[in-house]
C-alpha cells in the first residue's frame, strides 16, 4: 500500500521548504506528498507566490519527494466557494481556483484537489434551488477543467464532505456527480475519499462504511485521506489515538478491493495550540506505524 502525507500537520509550525522537506524524508520516512494551500495562499500576488511555489518544488525534488498534487486546506474550506448564493461570489471562487491551478503549475504539480464548497442553509433546504446550484457547479467545474488543461495539469480531484449543505456528501450523489461530469471535461475529474468522512455515522447512518463508497464509486476514486476518528465528528486524529479505525480493518478493505496502487494520504489536523514537540512526536509515530504495518516500509 502507498502511504502518502498531506502537509496539513505542518501548518503554522514548519514553514521553511528545505527544513520541512528534510523532516518528511528523514524523520517521517515518506515519499508521496500532497501540498496544502494552507502553506501557500493562491490569492497572494502571482509573481511572489509562484517564486515561493518553485522554492517548495525544488526543496521536494532535492529530498527525492514526489509531489503528487496540491489540495485545499482549512482556510479555503471555510468559504462557500462554487456553491455560494450569488453569481458574483461564485465568480470570485472560480478565480480563486484558477489561481490555485496557476500556483500548482508553478510547483510542477499535476493536479489540484478540493471540496467544491457549501450552500447557505436556505439554498440547501430548497429542493429547486439546490438543483439549480448543482447545475451551475457542474458548469463551473467544466470551466476549471478547461483551465487546468491549458495550464498543463492532468486532473482535478473532488473531496466529498459529510454535510447536507455540501455536495457530494454520500456514495450515491458522489457517483451521480462523477457520471454527470464523465466525458464532459477537458481533464478527468475524480474523487478523493476521506476515511473519516466515509464513516461519519450521524450524517451517513447505515451508509457509514468505506465499503459502501467503494461498491458505488471505486472506478472514479483517485486516492484517499487517512485519519483516525470516532465516527461522530471529523476528527483528523493521528493513529496514536484510539478510534474506529485500526490496521487490520484498513488492510482488509485495501486488499479486498485491490487498492494497493492508490495513495492513502495521511491528513492529520492538530489544534493550533498544541505544542510543536507533541505534534512532531505524534506525526512521526503515526507515519512509522502506518508505513511499517501497511506501507512500503518507509522511504
C-alpha atoms as a PDB file:
ATOM      1  CA  UNK A   1       0.000   0.000   0.000  1.00  0.00           C
ATOM      2  CA  UNK A   2       1.218   3.508  -0.800  1.00  0.00           C
ATOM      3  CA  UNK A   3       1.192   5.732   2.290  1.00  0.00           C
ATOM      4  CA  UNK A   4       1.437   9.421   1.461  1.00  0.00           C
ATOM      5  CA  UNK A   5       1.231  12.577   3.542  1.00  0.00           C
ATOM      6  CA  UNK A   6      -0.876  15.706   3.287  1.00  0.00           C
ATOM      7  CA  UNK A   7       1.173  18.571   4.710  1.00  0.00           C
ATOM      8  CA  UNK A   8      -1.663  19.809   6.948  1.00  0.00           C
ATOM      9  CA  UNK A   9       0.308  18.795  10.056  1.00  0.00           C
ATOM     10  CA  UNK A  10       2.920  21.468   9.305  1.00  0.00           C
ATOM     11  CA  UNK A  11       0.541  24.454   9.135  1.00  0.00           C
ATOM     12  CA  UNK A  12       1.552  27.296  11.493  1.00  0.00           C
ATOM     13  CA  UNK A  13       4.654  25.298  12.527  1.00  0.00           C
ATOM     14  CA  UNK A  14       7.174  24.263   9.870  1.00  0.00           C
ATOM     15  CA  UNK A  15       7.062  26.769   7.046  1.00  0.00           C
ATOM     16  CA  UNK A  16      10.552  26.582   5.518  1.00  0.00           C
ATOM     17  CA  UNK A  17      10.621  24.405   2.371  1.00  0.00           C
ATOM     18  CA  UNK A  18      14.067  22.921   2.931  1.00  0.00           C
ATOM     19  CA  UNK A  19      13.531  22.170   6.613  1.00  0.00           C
ATOM     20  CA  UNK A  20      10.118  20.573   6.137  1.00  0.00           C
ATOM     21  CA  UNK A  21      11.262  18.534   3.140  1.00  0.00           C
ATOM     22  CA  UNK A  22      14.150  17.132   5.138  1.00  0.00           C
ATOM     23  CA  UNK A  23      11.818  16.281   8.023  1.00  0.00           C
ATOM     24  CA  UNK A  24       9.440  14.451   5.689  1.00  0.00           C
ATOM     25  CA  UNK A  25      12.232  12.454   4.093  1.00  0.00           C
ATOM     26  CA  UNK A  26      14.352  11.631   7.136  1.00  0.00           C
ATOM     27  CA  UNK A  27      12.017  11.707  10.144  1.00  0.00           C
ATOM     28  CA  UNK A  28       8.666  10.773   8.626  1.00  0.00           C
ATOM     29  CA  UNK A  29      10.165   8.435   6.007  1.00  0.00           C
ATOM     30  CA  UNK A  30       7.607   9.386   3.396  1.00  0.00           C
ATOM     31  CA  UNK A  31       7.914   9.754  -0.359  1.00  0.00           C
ATOM     32  CA  UNK A  32       4.470  10.793  -1.656  1.00  0.00           C
ATOM     33  CA  UNK A  33       3.271  14.214  -0.574  1.00  0.00           C
ATOM     34  CA  UNK A  34       0.180  16.334  -1.092  1.00  0.00           C
ATOM     35  CA  UNK A  35       0.776  20.057  -0.627  1.00  0.00           C
ATOM     36  CA  UNK A  36      -1.848  22.067   1.247  1.00  0.00           C
ATOM     37  CA  UNK A  37      -2.877  25.570   0.220  1.00  0.00           C
ATOM     38  CA  UNK A  38      -2.713  26.475   3.923  1.00  0.00           C
ATOM     39  CA  UNK A  39       1.065  26.702   3.448  1.00  0.00           C
ATOM     40  CA  UNK A  40       0.863  28.985   0.413  1.00  0.00           C
ATOM     41  CA  UNK A  41      -2.181  31.119  -0.373  1.00  0.00           C
ATOM     42  CA  UNK A  42      -3.334  31.093  -4.014  1.00  0.00           C
ATOM     43  CA  UNK A  43      -4.608  34.664  -3.533  1.00  0.00           C
ATOM     44  CA  UNK A  44      -1.108  36.043  -2.930  1.00  0.00           C
ATOM     45  CA  UNK A  45       0.366  38.211  -5.742  1.00  0.00           C
ATOM     46  CA  UNK A  46       1.194  35.752  -8.504  1.00  0.00           C
ATOM     47  CA  UNK A  47       4.822  36.724  -9.124  1.00  0.00           C
ATOM     48  CA  UNK A  48       5.860  36.432  -5.477  1.00  0.00           C
ATOM     49  CA  UNK A  49       3.593  33.436  -4.882  1.00  0.00           C
ATOM     50  CA  UNK A  50       4.986  31.462  -7.795  1.00  0.00           C
ATOM     51  CA  UNK A  51       8.550  32.195  -6.720  1.00  0.00           C
ATOM     52  CA  UNK A  52       7.748  30.628  -3.340  1.00  0.00           C
ATOM     53  CA  UNK A  53       5.951  27.750  -5.086  1.00  0.00           C
ATOM     54  CA  UNK A  54       9.100  26.988  -7.061  1.00  0.00           C
ATOM     55  CA  UNK A  55      11.134  27.036  -3.842  1.00  0.00           C
ATOM     56  CA  UNK A  56       8.834  24.366  -2.413  1.00  0.00           C
ATOM     57  CA  UNK A  57       9.087  22.316  -5.597  1.00  0.00           C
ATOM     58  CA  UNK A  58      12.880  22.500  -5.621  1.00  0.00           C
ATOM     59  CA  UNK A  59      13.111  21.517  -1.959  1.00  0.00           C
ATOM     60  CA  UNK A  60      10.873  18.497  -2.541  1.00  0.00           C
ATOM     61  CA  UNK A  61      12.964  17.393  -5.507  1.00  0.00           C
ATOM     62  CA  UNK A  62      16.220  17.764  -3.607  1.00  0.00           C
ATOM     63  CA  UNK A  63      14.975  15.337  -0.963  1.00  0.00           C
ATOM     64  CA  UNK A  64      13.605  12.925  -3.557  1.00  0.00           C
ATOM     65  CA  UNK A  65       9.983  13.552  -2.592  1.00  0.00           C
ATOM     66  CA  UNK A  66       7.177  13.061  -5.091  1.00  0.00           C
ATOM     67  CA  UNK A  67       4.666  15.923  -5.171  1.00  0.00           C
ATOM     68  CA  UNK A  68       1.531  14.255  -6.471  1.00  0.00           C
ATOM     69  CA  UNK A  69      -0.795  17.247  -6.172  1.00  0.00           C
ATOM     70  CA  UNK A  70      -1.914  20.273  -4.200  1.00  0.00           C
ATOM     71  CA  UNK A  71      -5.068  20.359  -2.096  1.00  0.00           C
ATOM     72  CA  UNK A  72      -7.367  22.892  -0.478  1.00  0.00           C
ATOM     73  CA  UNK A  73      -6.927  23.294   3.263  1.00  0.00           C
ATOM     74  CA  UNK A  74      -8.854  24.662   6.213  1.00  0.00           C
ATOM     75  CA  UNK A  75      -8.712  28.258   5.010  1.00  0.00           C
ATOM     76  CA  UNK A  76     -10.297  27.691   1.598  1.00  0.00           C
ATOM     77  CA  UNK A  77     -12.793  25.188   3.012  1.00  0.00           C
ATOM     78  CA  UNK A  78     -14.377  27.811   5.287  1.00  0.00           C
ATOM     79  CA  UNK A  79     -15.777  29.754   2.322  1.00  0.00           C
ATOM     80  CA  UNK A  80     -18.865  28.829   0.233  1.00  0.00           C
ATOM     81  CA  UNK A  81     -16.765  28.715  -2.947  1.00  0.00           C
ATOM     82  CA  UNK A  82     -18.583  27.308  -6.003  1.00  0.00           C
ATOM     83  CA  UNK A  83     -21.841  26.853  -4.064  1.00  0.00           C
ATOM     84  CA  UNK A  84     -22.084  30.462  -2.885  1.00  0.00           C
ATOM     85  CA  UNK A  85     -25.566  32.015  -3.046  1.00  0.00           C
ATOM     86  CA  UNK A  86     -24.744  34.653  -5.680  1.00  0.00           C
ATOM     87  CA  UNK A  87     -23.184  34.521  -9.133  1.00  0.00           C
ATOM     88  CA  UNK A  88     -20.736  37.241  -8.105  1.00  0.00           C
ATOM     89  CA  UNK A  89     -19.391  35.149  -5.237  1.00  0.00           C
ATOM     90  CA  UNK A  90     -19.177  32.047  -7.409  1.00  0.00           C
ATOM     91  CA  UNK A  91     -17.179  34.009  -9.995  1.00  0.00           C
ATOM     92  CA  UNK A  92     -14.733  35.029  -7.261  1.00  0.00           C
ATOM     93  CA  UNK A  93     -14.434  31.375  -6.242  1.00  0.00           C
ATOM     94  CA  UNK A  94     -13.777  30.343  -9.837  1.00  0.00           C
ATOM     95  CA  UNK A  95     -10.978  32.917  -9.991  1.00  0.00           C
ATOM     96  CA  UNK A  96      -9.583  31.588  -6.715  1.00  0.00           C
ATOM     97  CA  UNK A  97      -9.441  28.019  -8.007  1.00  0.00           C
ATOM     98  CA  UNK A  98      -7.832  29.217 -11.238  1.00  0.00           C
ATOM     99  CA  UNK A  99      -5.154  30.893  -9.144  1.00  0.00           C
ATOM    100  CA  UNK A 100      -4.694  27.609  -7.274  1.00  0.00           C
ATOM    101  CA  UNK A 101      -4.160  25.944 -10.653  1.00  0.00           C
ATOM    102  CA  UNK A 102      -1.586  28.605 -11.569  1.00  0.00           C
ATOM    103  CA  UNK A 103       0.232  28.055  -8.280  1.00  0.00           C
ATOM    104  CA  UNK A 104       0.130  24.288  -8.728  1.00  0.00           C
ATOM    105  CA  UNK A 105       1.549  24.591 -12.230  1.00  0.00           C
ATOM    106  CA  UNK A 106       4.415  26.678 -10.836  1.00  0.00           C
ATOM    107  CA  UNK A 107       5.082  23.847  -8.362  1.00  0.00           C
ATOM    108  CA  UNK A 108       5.044  21.336 -11.245  1.00  0.00           C
ATOM    109  CA  UNK A 109       2.064  19.588  -9.688  1.00  0.00           C
ATOM    110  CA  UNK A 110      -0.114  17.510 -11.995  1.00  0.00           C
ATOM    111  CA  UNK A 111      -3.392  18.093 -10.137  1.00  0.00           C
ATOM    112  CA  UNK A 112      -5.405  20.141  -7.692  1.00  0.00           C
ATOM    113  CA  UNK A 113      -7.974  18.828  -5.258  1.00  0.00           C
ATOM    114  CA  UNK A 114     -10.640  20.411  -3.080  1.00  0.00           C
ATOM    115  CA  UNK A 115     -14.160  20.165  -1.732  1.00  0.00           C
ATOM    116  CA  UNK A 116     -16.478  22.118  -4.016  1.00  0.00           C
ATOM    117  CA  UNK A 117     -17.928  24.468  -1.413  1.00  0.00           C
ATOM    118  CA  UNK A 118     -21.007  24.859   0.736  1.00  0.00           C
ATOM    119  CA  UNK A 119     -24.503  26.259   0.295  1.00  0.00           C
ATOM    120  CA  UNK A 120     -26.322  28.666   2.532  1.00  0.00           C
ATOM    121  CA  UNK A 121     -28.970  26.969   4.679  1.00  0.00           C
ATOM    122  CA  UNK A 122     -31.861  28.399   2.667  1.00  0.00           C
ATOM    123  CA  UNK A 123     -30.471  27.122  -0.643  1.00  0.00           C
ATOM    124  CA  UNK A 124     -29.589  23.695   0.730  1.00  0.00           C
ATOM    125  CA  UNK A 125     -33.101  23.054   2.049  1.00  0.00           C
ATOM    126  CA  UNK A 126     -34.900  24.376  -1.034  1.00  0.00           C
ATOM    127  CA  UNK A 127     -35.041  21.439  -3.472  1.00  0.00           C
ATOM    128  CA  UNK A 128     -35.420  23.590  -6.587  1.00  0.00           C
ATOM    129  CA  UNK A 129     -32.640  25.954  -5.570  1.00  0.00           C
ATOM    130  CA  UNK A 130     -30.374  23.024  -4.672  1.00  0.00           C
ATOM    131  CA  UNK A 131     -30.841  21.571  -8.158  1.00  0.00           C
ATOM    132  CA  UNK A 132     -30.095  24.965  -9.730  1.00  0.00           C
ATOM    133  CA  UNK A 133     -26.823  25.290  -7.817  1.00  0.00           C
ATOM    134  CA  UNK A 134     -25.864  21.724  -8.711  1.00  0.00           C
ATOM    135  CA  UNK A 135     -26.262  22.540 -12.402  1.00  0.00           C
ATOM    136  CA  UNK A 136     -24.234  25.740 -12.024  1.00  0.00           C
ATOM    137  CA  UNK A 137     -21.439  23.885 -10.208  1.00  0.00           C
ATOM    138  CA  UNK A 138     -21.205  21.298 -12.990  1.00  0.00           C
ATOM    139  CA  UNK A 139     -20.598  24.107 -15.479  1.00  0.00           C
ATOM    140  CA  UNK A 140     -18.011  25.763 -13.226  1.00  0.00           C
ATOM    141  CA  UNK A 141     -16.094  22.510 -12.762  1.00  0.00           C
ATOM    142  CA  UNK A 142     -16.002  22.088 -16.533  1.00  0.00           C
ATOM    143  CA  UNK A 143     -14.551  25.601 -16.835  1.00  0.00           C
ATOM    144  CA  UNK A 144     -11.927  24.732 -14.233  1.00  0.00           C
ATOM    145  CA  UNK A 145     -11.027  21.562 -16.074  1.00  0.00           C
ATOM    146  CA  UNK A 146     -10.541  23.515 -19.292  1.00  0.00           C
ATOM    147  CA  UNK A 147      -8.275  25.960 -17.484  1.00  0.00           C
ATOM    148  CA  UNK A 148      -6.365  23.112 -15.826  1.00  0.00           C
ATOM    149  CA  UNK A 149      -5.636  21.556 -19.212  1.00  0.00           C
ATOM    150  CA  UNK A 150      -4.457  24.908 -20.568  1.00  0.00           C
ATOM    151  CA  UNK A 151      -2.019  25.167 -17.651  1.00  0.00           C
ATOM    152  CA  UNK A 152      -0.700  21.629 -18.079  1.00  0.00           C
ATOM    153  CA  UNK A 153      -2.464  19.863 -15.212  1.00  0.00           C
ATOM    154  CA  UNK A 154      -3.709  16.327 -15.713  1.00  0.00           C
ATOM    155  CA  UNK A 155      -6.724  16.043 -13.404  1.00  0.00           C
ATOM    156  CA  UNK A 156      -8.966  17.664 -10.806  1.00  0.00           C
ATOM    157  CA  UNK A 157      -9.849  15.803  -7.614  1.00  0.00           C
ATOM    158  CA  UNK A 158     -13.029  16.426  -5.618  1.00  0.00           C
ATOM    159  CA  UNK A 159     -13.389  15.502  -1.957  1.00  0.00           C
ATOM    160  CA  UNK A 160     -16.864  14.526  -0.701  1.00  0.00           C
ATOM    161  CA  UNK A 161     -17.742  16.081   2.652  1.00  0.00           C
ATOM    162  CA  UNK A 162     -20.350  14.790   5.154  1.00  0.00           C
ATOM    163  CA  UNK A 163     -22.624  17.834   5.387  1.00  0.00           C
ATOM    164  CA  UNK A 164     -26.097  18.284   3.933  1.00  0.00           C
ATOM    165  CA  UNK A 165     -25.229  21.819   2.814  1.00  0.00           C
ATOM    166  CA  UNK A 166     -22.426  20.462   0.612  1.00  0.00           C
ATOM    167  CA  UNK A 167     -22.133  18.003  -2.250  1.00  0.00           C
ATOM    168  CA  UNK A 168     -21.104  15.423  -2.985  1.00  0.00           C
ATOM    169  CA  UNK A 169     -21.678  14.116   0.530  1.00  0.00           C
ATOM    170  CA  UNK A 170     -22.566  10.425   0.254  1.00  0.00           C
ATOM    171  CA  UNK A 171     -21.817   7.490  -2.084  1.00  0.00           C
ATOM    172  CA  UNK A 172     -24.949   7.935  -4.185  1.00  0.00           C
ATOM    173  CA  UNK A 173     -24.530  11.598  -5.055  1.00  0.00           C
ATOM    174  CA  UNK A 174     -20.769  11.205  -5.411  1.00  0.00           C
ATOM    175  CA  UNK A 175     -21.430   8.639  -8.123  1.00  0.00           C
ATOM    176  CA  UNK A 176     -24.009  10.921  -9.759  1.00  0.00           C
ATOM    177  CA  UNK A 177     -21.538  13.807  -9.848  1.00  0.00           C
ATOM    178  CA  UNK A 178     -18.884  11.628 -11.458  1.00  0.00           C
ATOM    179  CA  UNK A 179     -21.329  10.277 -14.042  1.00  0.00           C
ATOM    180  CA  UNK A 180     -22.600  13.772 -14.867  1.00  0.00           C
ATOM    181  CA  UNK A 181     -19.046  15.040 -15.396  1.00  0.00           C
ATOM    182  CA  UNK A 182     -17.601  11.951 -17.044  1.00  0.00           C
ATOM    183  CA  UNK A 183     -16.624  12.628 -20.655  1.00  0.00           C
ATOM    184  CA  UNK A 184     -17.621  16.307 -20.452  1.00  0.00           C
ATOM    185  CA  UNK A 185     -14.393  17.787 -19.015  1.00  0.00           C
ATOM    186  CA  UNK A 186     -11.068  18.577 -20.668  1.00  0.00           C
ATOM    187  CA  UNK A 187      -9.169  16.711 -17.942  1.00  0.00           C
ATOM    188  CA  UNK A 188     -10.526  13.866 -15.816  1.00  0.00           C
ATOM    189  CA  UNK A 189     -12.369  14.757 -12.602  1.00  0.00           C
ATOM    190  CA  UNK A 190     -12.084  12.127  -9.891  1.00  0.00           C
ATOM    191  CA  UNK A 191     -12.830  11.565  -6.205  1.00  0.00           C
ATOM    192  CA  UNK A 192     -10.662  11.571  -3.113  1.00  0.00           C
ATOM    193  CA  UNK A 193     -12.490   9.781  -0.306  1.00  0.00           C
ATOM    194  CA  UNK A 194     -11.591  10.608   3.290  1.00  0.00           C
ATOM    195  CA  UNK A 195     -11.894   7.627   5.665  1.00  0.00           C
ATOM    196  CA  UNK A 196     -13.188   9.892   8.427  1.00  0.00           C
ATOM    197  CA  UNK A 197     -15.869  11.375   6.174  1.00  0.00           C
ATOM    198  CA  UNK A 198     -16.845   7.958   4.827  1.00  0.00           C
ATOM    199  CA  UNK A 199     -17.694   6.513   8.247  1.00  0.00           C
ATOM    200  CA  UNK A 200     -19.348   9.562   9.852  1.00  0.00           C
ATOM    201  CA  UNK A 201     -22.365   7.911  11.457  1.00  0.00           C
ATOM    202  CA  UNK A 202     -24.576  10.903  12.462  1.00  0.00           C
ATOM    203  CA  UNK A 203     -24.813  12.032   8.824  1.00  0.00           C
ATOM    204  CA  UNK A 204     -24.423   8.841   6.784  1.00  0.00           C
ATOM    205  CA  UNK A 205     -26.135   6.432   9.212  1.00  0.00           C
ATOM    206  CA  UNK A 206     -26.268   2.952   7.605  1.00  0.00           C
ATOM    207  CA  UNK A 207     -24.086   4.169   4.715  1.00  0.00           C
ATOM    208  CA  UNK A 208     -21.215   4.959   7.113  1.00  0.00           C
ATOM    209  CA  UNK A 209     -18.879   2.273   5.813  1.00  0.00           C
ATOM    210  CA  UNK A 210     -15.953   2.594   3.385  1.00  0.00           C
ATOM    211  CA  UNK A 211     -17.164  -0.499   1.527  1.00  0.00           C
ATOM    212  CA  UNK A 212     -20.376   1.307   0.591  1.00  0.00           C
ATOM    213  CA  UNK A 213     -18.290   4.017  -1.056  1.00  0.00           C
ATOM    214  CA  UNK A 214     -16.149   1.521  -2.899  1.00  0.00           C
ATOM    215  CA  UNK A 215     -19.069  -0.554  -4.101  1.00  0.00           C
ATOM    216  CA  UNK A 216     -20.593   2.507  -5.744  1.00  0.00           C
ATOM    217  CA  UNK A 217     -17.684   4.782  -6.629  1.00  0.00           C
ATOM    218  CA  UNK A 218     -14.494   2.739  -6.944  1.00  0.00           C
ATOM    219  CA  UNK A 219     -13.943   3.339 -10.695  1.00  0.00           C
ATOM    220  CA  UNK A 220     -13.889   7.088 -10.032  1.00  0.00           C
ATOM    221  CA  UNK A 221     -11.706   7.094  -6.894  1.00  0.00           C
ATOM    222  CA  UNK A 222      -8.221   8.526  -7.365  1.00  0.00           C
ATOM    223  CA  UNK A 223      -6.935   8.454  -3.780  1.00  0.00           C
ATOM    224  CA  UNK A 224      -7.833   8.669  -0.094  1.00  0.00           C
ATOM    225  CA  UNK A 225      -7.288  10.765   3.013  1.00  0.00           C
ATOM    226  CA  UNK A 226      -6.436   8.624   6.016  1.00  0.00           C
ATOM    227  CA  UNK A 227      -7.151   9.756   9.570  1.00  0.00           C
ATOM    228  CA  UNK A 228      -8.152   8.290  12.905  1.00  0.00           C
ATOM    229  CA  UNK A 229     -11.671   9.210  14.034  1.00  0.00           C
ATOM    230  CA  UNK A 230     -14.519   8.203  16.329  1.00  0.00           C
ATOM    231  CA  UNK A 231     -17.206   8.256  13.608  1.00  0.00           C
ATOM    232  CA  UNK A 232     -19.037  11.076  15.377  1.00  0.00           C
ATOM    233  CA  UNK A 233     -17.132  14.146  14.146  1.00  0.00           C
ATOM    234  CA  UNK A 234     -14.446  14.780  11.527  1.00  0.00           C
ATOM    235  CA  UNK A 235     -11.557  14.340  13.973  1.00  0.00           C
ATOM    236  CA  UNK A 236      -8.382  14.068  11.855  1.00  0.00           C
ATOM    237  CA  UNK A 237      -6.522  12.428  14.741  1.00  0.00           C
ATOM    238  CA  UNK A 238      -3.204  10.684  14.451  1.00  0.00           C
ATOM    239  CA  UNK A 239      -3.099   6.910  14.807  1.00  0.00           C
ATOM    240  CA  UNK A 240      -1.614   7.112  18.290  1.00  0.00           C
ATOM    241  CA  UNK A 241      -5.214   7.942  19.265  1.00  0.00           C
ATOM    242  CA  UNK A 242      -7.843   5.244  19.818  1.00  0.00           C
ATOM    243  CA  UNK A 243     -10.722   5.343  17.352  1.00  0.00           C
ATOM    244  CA  UNK A 244     -12.902   3.385  14.959  1.00  0.00           C
ATOM    245  CA  UNK A 245     -10.124   2.519  12.525  1.00  0.00           C
ATOM    246  CA  UNK A 246      -7.364   0.006  13.075  1.00  0.00           C
ATOM    247  CA  UNK A 247      -4.606  -1.506  10.992  1.00  0.00           C
ATOM    248  CA  UNK A 248      -6.475  -4.750  10.358  1.00  0.00           C
ATOM    249  CA  UNK A 249      -9.701  -3.091   9.206  1.00  0.00           C
ATOM    250  CA  UNK A 250      -7.836  -0.786   6.829  1.00  0.00           C
ATOM    251  CA  UNK A 251      -5.766  -3.641   5.423  1.00  0.00           C
ATOM    252  CA  UNK A 252      -8.882  -5.764   4.911  1.00  0.00           C
ATOM    253  CA  UNK A 253     -10.569  -3.099   2.774  1.00  0.00           C
ATOM    254  CA  UNK A 254      -7.436  -2.299   0.784  1.00  0.00           C
ATOM    255  CA  UNK A 255      -6.815  -5.949  -0.075  1.00  0.00           C
ATOM    256  CA  UNK A 256     -10.461  -6.823  -0.742  1.00  0.00           C
ATOM    257  CA  UNK A 257     -10.851  -4.005  -3.260  1.00  0.00           C
ATOM    258  CA  UNK A 258      -7.306  -4.197  -4.670  1.00  0.00           C
ATOM    259  CA  UNK A 259      -6.439  -0.603  -3.742  1.00  0.00           C
ATOM    260  CA  UNK A 260      -2.697  -1.038  -3.223  1.00  0.00           C
ATOM    261  CA  UNK A 261      -1.813   1.276  -6.121  1.00  0.00           C
ATOM    262  CA  UNK A 262      -3.912   4.175  -4.810  1.00  0.00           C
ATOM    263  CA  UNK A 263      -2.230   6.560  -2.377  1.00  0.00           C
ATOM    264  CA  UNK A 264      -3.568   6.884   1.162  1.00  0.00           C
ATOM    265  CA  UNK A 265      -2.600  10.427   2.211  1.00  0.00           C
ATOM    266  CA  UNK A 266      -2.387  10.748   5.974  1.00  0.00           C
ATOM    267  CA  UNK A 267      -4.193  14.007   6.802  1.00  0.00           C
ATOM    268  CA  UNK A 268      -3.824  14.956  10.449  1.00  0.00           C
ATOM    269  CA  UNK A 269      -5.027  18.369  11.642  1.00  0.00           C
ATOM    270  CA  UNK A 270      -3.745  19.378  15.045  1.00  0.00           C
ATOM    271  CA  UNK A 271      -5.118  22.101  17.330  1.00  0.00           C
ATOM    272  CA  UNK A 272      -3.136  25.264  16.745  1.00  0.00           C
ATOM    273  CA  UNK A 273      -2.488  25.431  20.493  1.00  0.00           C
ATOM    274  CA  UNK A 274      -0.789  22.023  20.581  1.00  0.00           C
ATOM    275  CA  UNK A 275       2.963  22.220  21.155  1.00  0.00           C
ATOM    276  CA  UNK A 276       5.276  21.631  18.222  1.00  0.00           C
ATOM    277  CA  UNK A 277       7.015  18.925  20.225  1.00  0.00           C
ATOM    278  CA  UNK A 278       3.792  16.955  20.689  1.00  0.00           C
ATOM    279  CA  UNK A 279       2.792  17.385  17.052  1.00  0.00           C
ATOM    280  CA  UNK A 280       6.189  16.201  15.858  1.00  0.00           C
ATOM    281  CA  UNK A 281       6.099  13.179  18.139  1.00  0.00           C
ATOM    282  CA  UNK A 282       2.560  12.234  17.109  1.00  0.00           C
ATOM    283  CA  UNK A 283       3.030  12.590  13.349  1.00  0.00           C
ATOM    284  CA  UNK A 284       6.340  10.699  13.482  1.00  0.00           C
ATOM    285  CA  UNK A 285       4.800   7.809  15.426  1.00  0.00           C
ATOM    286  CA  UNK A 286       1.717   7.808  13.176  1.00  0.00           C
ATOM    287  CA  UNK A 287       3.731   7.676   9.963  1.00  0.00           C
ATOM    288  CA  UNK A 288       6.099   4.992  11.192  1.00  0.00           C
ATOM    289  CA  UNK A 289       3.208   2.870  12.447  1.00  0.00           C
ATOM    290  CA  UNK A 290       1.370   3.101   9.132  1.00  0.00           C
ATOM    291  CA  UNK A 291       4.457   2.654   6.964  1.00  0.00           C
ATOM    292  CA  UNK A 292       5.674  -0.354   8.901  1.00  0.00           C
ATOM    293  CA  UNK A 293       2.296  -2.099   9.133  1.00  0.00           C
ATOM    294  CA  UNK A 294       0.572  -1.090   5.898  1.00  0.00           C
ATOM    295  CA  UNK A 295       3.017   0.737   3.674  1.00  0.00           C
ATOM    296  CA  UNK A 296       6.210   0.039   1.846  1.00  0.00           C
ATOM    297  CA  UNK A 297       8.366   0.172   4.975  1.00  0.00           C
ATOM    298  CA  UNK A 298       9.258   3.853   4.862  1.00  0.00           C
ATOM    299  CA  UNK A 299      11.164   5.938   2.335  1.00  0.00           C
END
